[in-house]
Amino acid sequence: MATIPHQDAFQIKESLISDEDHRLLLEFAANAGKGIFDEPPHSIMELRGLGKEIWEGIDAQEYIDSERASWNG
């Protein structure tokens, strides 16, 4: 399917008579989401464990304590 720039599409739309204009807009609206939602949505659980290597060897409580200490300057 060929694509055309937005401005060109708008100019074509402006040249149509009202019945054609209305029909074109209905067709655009009907096809607006095609292909976008074909894949199932992702789960937040897919992120589980992502970046865990960054925290290897770091004690969580020591990290929190050092962060809290930095708040006071």
C-alpha atoms as a PDB file:
ATOM      1  CA  MET A   1       0.000   0.000   0.000  1.00  0.00           C
ATOM      2  CA  ALA A   2       1.396   3.391  -0.953  1.00  0.00           C
ATOM      3  CA  THR A   3       1.753   6.101   1.639  1.00  0.00           C
ATOM      4  CA  ILE A   4       1.422   9.813   1.071  1.00  0.00           C
ATOM      5  CA  PRO A   5       2.393  12.704   3.335  1.00  0.00           C
ATOM      6  CA  HIS A   6      -0.266  14.077   5.663  1.00  0.00           C
ATOM      7  CA  GLN A   7      -0.445  17.432   3.890  1.00  0.00           C
ATOM      8  CA  ASP A   8      -1.004  15.758   0.501  1.00  0.00           C
ATOM      9  CA  ALA A   9      -3.759  13.595   1.963  1.00  0.00           C
ATOM     10  CA  PHE A  10      -5.397  16.674   3.475  1.00  0.00           C
ATOM     11  CA  GLN A  11      -5.303  18.501   0.123  1.00  0.00           C
ATOM     12  CA  ILE A  12      -6.904  15.511  -1.596  1.00  0.00           C
ATOM     13  CA  LYS A  13      -9.568  15.396   1.107  1.00  0.00           C
ATOM     14  CA  GLU A  14     -10.270  19.114   0.655  1.00  0.00           C
ATOM     15  CA  SER A  15     -10.851  18.617  -3.090  1.00  0.00           C
ATOM     16  CA  LEU A  16     -13.622  16.046  -2.552  1.00  0.00           C
ATOM     17  CA  ILE A  17     -17.307  16.932  -2.532  1.00  0.00           C
ATOM     18  CA  SER A  18     -19.117  16.481   0.770  1.00  0.00           C
ATOM     19  CA  ASP A  19     -20.531  12.954   0.166  1.00  0.00           C
ATOM     20  CA  GLU A  20     -17.137  11.655  -0.921  1.00  0.00           C
ATOM     21  CA  ASP A  21     -15.510  13.561   1.931  1.00  0.00           C
ATOM     22  CA  HIS A  22     -17.818  11.966   4.483  1.00  0.00           C
ATOM     23  CA  ARG A  23     -17.312   8.484   3.047  1.00  0.00           C
ATOM     24  CA  LEU A  24     -13.530   8.941   3.031  1.00  0.00           C
ATOM     25  CA  LEU A  25     -13.504  10.048   6.667  1.00  0.00           C
ATOM     26  CA  LEU A  26     -15.627   7.043   7.663  1.00  0.00           C
ATOM     27  CA  GLU A  27     -13.228   4.729   5.845  1.00  0.00           C
ATOM     28  CA  PHE A  28     -10.211   6.348   7.534  1.00  0.00           C
ATOM     29  CA  ALA A  29     -11.873   5.978  10.926  1.00  0.00           C
ATOM     30  CA  ALA A  30     -12.725   2.327  10.278  1.00  0.00           C
ATOM     31  CA  ASN A  31      -9.132   1.522   9.294  1.00  0.00           C
ATOM     32  CA  ALA A  32      -7.318   3.781  11.763  1.00  0.00           C
ATOM     33  CA  GLY A  33      -6.308   1.051  14.214  1.00  0.00           C
ATOM     34  CA  LYS A  34      -5.645  -1.819  11.834  1.00  0.00           C
ATOM     35  CA  GLY A  35      -2.337  -3.497  12.508  1.00  0.00           C
ATOM     36  CA  ILE A  36      -1.717  -1.637  15.748  1.00  0.00           C
ATOM     37  CA  PHE A  37      -3.457  -4.086  18.048  1.00  0.00           C
ATOM     38  CA  ASP A  38      -2.686  -7.335  16.225  1.00  0.00           C
ATOM     39  CA  GLU A  39      -0.157  -8.419  18.841  1.00  0.00           C
ATOM     40  CA  PRO A  40      -1.360  -9.346  22.323  1.00  0.00           C
ATOM     41  CA  PRO A  41      -0.514  -6.793  25.019  1.00  0.00           C
ATOM     42  CA  HIS A  42       2.630  -7.298  27.070  1.00  0.00           C
ATOM     43  CA  SER A  43       2.552  -8.242  30.726  1.00  0.00           C
ATOM     44  CA  ILE A  44       4.432  -6.253  33.359  1.00  0.00           C
ATOM     45  CA  MET A  45       5.755  -9.617  34.497  1.00  0.00           C
ATOM     46  CA  GLU A  46       7.952  -9.754  31.385  1.00  0.00           C
ATOM     47  CA  LEU A  47      10.177  -7.202  33.139  1.00  0.00           C
ATOM     48  CA  ARG A  48      10.811  -9.484  36.122  1.00  0.00           C
ATOM     49  CA  GLY A  49      14.533  -9.796  36.781  1.00  0.00           C
ATOM     50  CA  LEU A  50      15.492  -7.150  34.229  1.00  0.00           C
ATOM     51  CA  GLY A  51      18.684  -5.399  35.356  1.00  0.00           C
ATOM     52  CA  LYS A  52      19.236  -7.647  38.363  1.00  0.00           C
ATOM     53  CA  GLU A  53      22.947  -7.905  37.531  1.00  0.00           C
ATOM     54  CA  ILE A  54      23.330  -4.225  38.413  1.00  0.00           C
ATOM     55  CA  TRP A  55      22.434  -4.958  42.025  1.00  0.00           C
ATOM     56  CA  GLU A  56      24.630  -8.047  42.497  1.00  0.00           C
ATOM     57  CA  GLY A  57      26.829  -7.724  45.586  1.00  0.00           C
ATOM     58  CA  ILE A  58      24.962  -4.677  46.910  1.00  0.00           C
ATOM     59  CA  ASP A  59      23.278  -4.953  50.294  1.00  0.00           C
ATOM     60  CA  ALA A  60      19.807  -3.441  49.993  1.00  0.00           C
ATOM     61  CA  GLN A  61      19.713  -1.982  53.499  1.00  0.00           C
ATOM     62  CA  GLU A  62      23.174  -0.419  53.173  1.00  0.00           C
ATOM     63  CA  TYR A  63      22.120   1.151  49.885  1.00  0.00           C
ATOM     64  CA  ILE A  64      18.940   2.580  51.395  1.00  0.00           C
ATOM     65  CA  ASP A  65      20.829   3.895  54.418  1.00  0.00           C
ATOM     66  CA  SER A  66      23.402   5.632  52.203  1.00  0.00           C
ATOM     67  CA  GLU A  67      20.680   7.171  50.043  1.00  0.00           C
ATOM     68  CA  ARG A  68      18.816   8.474  53.078  1.00  0.00           C
ATOM     69  CA  ALA A  69      22.033   9.896  54.493  1.00  0.00           C
ATOM     70  CA  SER A  70      22.619  11.822  51.264  1.00  0.00           C
ATOM     71  CA  TRP A  71      19.258  13.612  51.617  1.00  0.00           C
ATOM     72  CA  ASN A  72      20.584  15.660  54.529  1.00  0.00           C
ATOM     73  CA  GLY A  73      23.686  16.761  52.697  1.00  0.00           C
END
